[in-house]
Amino acid sequence: MFKSLYREFLHEWKHSSTMSVIFQFLGIITFFFVYTSNLNLDSNAKTFLAIFSYVVIQWLLSSTPLFISGMMGVALTVLFGVVTFEEAFSSFSSQIIFLFMGGFLLARAMEKLGLDRKLSVTILNSRFIDGDFNRTLAVVIGVTCLFSMWVSNSATTAMMLPIGFGLLKSFKVKEETTKQYFLLIVAYAASVGGMATPIGSPPNLITMGLLEQHTDQVLTFWDWCKFGFPLTIFFSIILFFYAKRKITEDIKKVDKNDLMMSLGKNNKITNNEIRLMVIFAITIFFWFAPSLCSLILGKEHIVSIYVQKYLTAGMVAIIAACTLFMAPIYSRTKLLDQEDIKTIDWGTLLLFASGLSLGTTLFKTGIADFVANNLISIFSNWSFAALLVLVVGISILLTELVSNTAAANVLVPILIAAATQANFSSITAAFVVAFSCNMAFMLPVATPPNAIVYGTGLVPMNRMISFGVILNIVAFISLALIVMLS
C-alpha cells in the first residue's frame, strides 16, 4: 500500500511543472513566515494575518479551487482560536448568499424552458432593427446587458454566443476581424451589464455584504442600481461606438425572418413561460419595493419601516425560488424540480460566504484598520481620492490575472477601513473598487465571458489584448473621474 502511494507521489511529482509545485507550497511557506514574524500586532491579529496571507496566495497562484481555499481559511480561523465557530460561519447565513441562490434558480428556470433564447430572438426581430447591422449590434449589446443584470455573465454569454454566430451567418460576414470584434463585444457587454444590479456580478454582492457588516449601511436593491445602472448605460454606449469604429467591413441588410427561423417550430410562448415571466416580474417589483415605499410614503411611514426590515432582497429571492418548485400548483410537473438544485454553482456561493467571513474577521482582528493606517501613512502626502484612484488602477490590473471575486474579497474590506479612517465616503470607495473588479477586458482568464469567447477558438489572444486595453484605459479614466468628483 505504502509503495503504491510512493509510486503515485513520484509520478505526480515528475509530471507536475516546477512552478505548479512551488505555488502549491508557497501559501504554506507564507503562512509560517507571517506567523513567526515580529510584526507590531497582537497574537490574534498576527495569526489571522498569516491565515489570510495563505488564502490570498492560494487564490492568486494555486490550482486549488477558490472556494476550497476560502473554506480552508475560515476553518483555520476557528482551529487557531481567532474566532469561534459561530462567529466564523455566521456569514454563511447572510441574506446576500440567498439573494444570489435565488438568482441562480431564476436563471436556471429561464434556461430550462428556453425562455431566455426566445426573448432574445424576439427582441432582435423587432422593427427597430429592420435588418441593419449597426442597429443589430446596438440591440445585441443592449440585450446582453439586460440579461446580465439578472443572470450570471457566464450564462448570458453562453446564451448569446449561438445567437451571435447565427447573426454573423445571416449578415454573411466575411472578414475574420469583424467576427472577432463582434464576439468580443458580446463578452464585454455581459461584464458591463453585470454592474447594474446587485446580483449581476459577484463583486457587487461582496461589496454590499461587507458594507452592511462593517459600516451598518444596509443597501437596498435600488441603492445599488442608481449607481450601477447609469455606469452600465455609459459603457454600453462606449462599447457600441468603439465596435462601430473598429468594424470597417461593408455589411448589407439581412432578412429579419431568418432570426425567427433559428427558433424552429418552438417560437410560441408557453403557459409555463408566462408563469415564469410573472414570477420574475413580481420578484423584481419586490426587490425595488423598499425603495419605492420610502420614496412614495416616506421613510418614517409604518409600511416603509416594515418593508425595509422584513422584505429584504434575500427574503424575496427565497420566496421566488420556492415558488419555482411549487408552480403550477395543479400539476405534478413544476417549473423546477429536485434535479435543478444540483445545477446551482455551490462553489461560487461558498466562495462568497467564505469571503464575507474572512472580511469580517479582517475587521474584528484590526487587520483592516492596520493595513488602512499604513496605506494612509505611506501615502500621507496624497489625498485619499488620489490613493483610491491608484487602487482602482491596481484592481483593474489585478482582475486581469485573478478572479474578480478574489480581488474584491481582498481589496474591498481594506478600502472600506481606509475610507473610514480618512473620513471619505465608504460607499463611494467600495463601489468604485467593486466596479473596477468588473472592468477586465484584456485577458481570457480575467472573466468567464472572456474565457468563453476565447474558448471558441475564433478570437486570438493578441486581438483580445489590443481590443481590450483601450476599454481598460477608458474604465480607469471613468472611475477616476467619479472618485475625483465625489
Foldseek 3Di string as FASTA:
>chain_A
DVVVVVVVVVVVVVPDDPQQVCLVCVLVVQLVPQLPDDDPAPNLLSNLVSLVSSLLSCQQRHPPQNLVSLVVSLVVNCVVPSDHPCLLQVLLPDLLLLLLLLLALLLLLCVVVVVLLLVLLVQLLDPQCQQPPLSSLLSLLVSLLVVLCRHELLSSLVSCVVVLVLSCVQQVDDDLLLSQLSLLSSSLSSLLSLQQWCNNDLLSSLLQLLCCLPVVDHDARVNSNVPSVVSSVVVSVVSSVLSVVRDDDDTDGGDSVSSQCVVPPPNDQDPQNVVSVVLVVVLVCLSCVLVVCCVPVNCPDPVSVCSVVPSGNSVSSVVSSVVQDCPPVVDPDGSDHPVVSVVDPVSSSSSSSSLSSSLSSCVVSCVLLVVLVVLCVVVVVDQVLVVLLVLLLVLLVSLLRGPLNSSSSPPLSSQLNNCVVNVHPSSLSSSSSSSSSSLHFQALRNDSSSVVSVVVVSHDNVSRRVSRVVSNVVSSVVSSVVSVVD
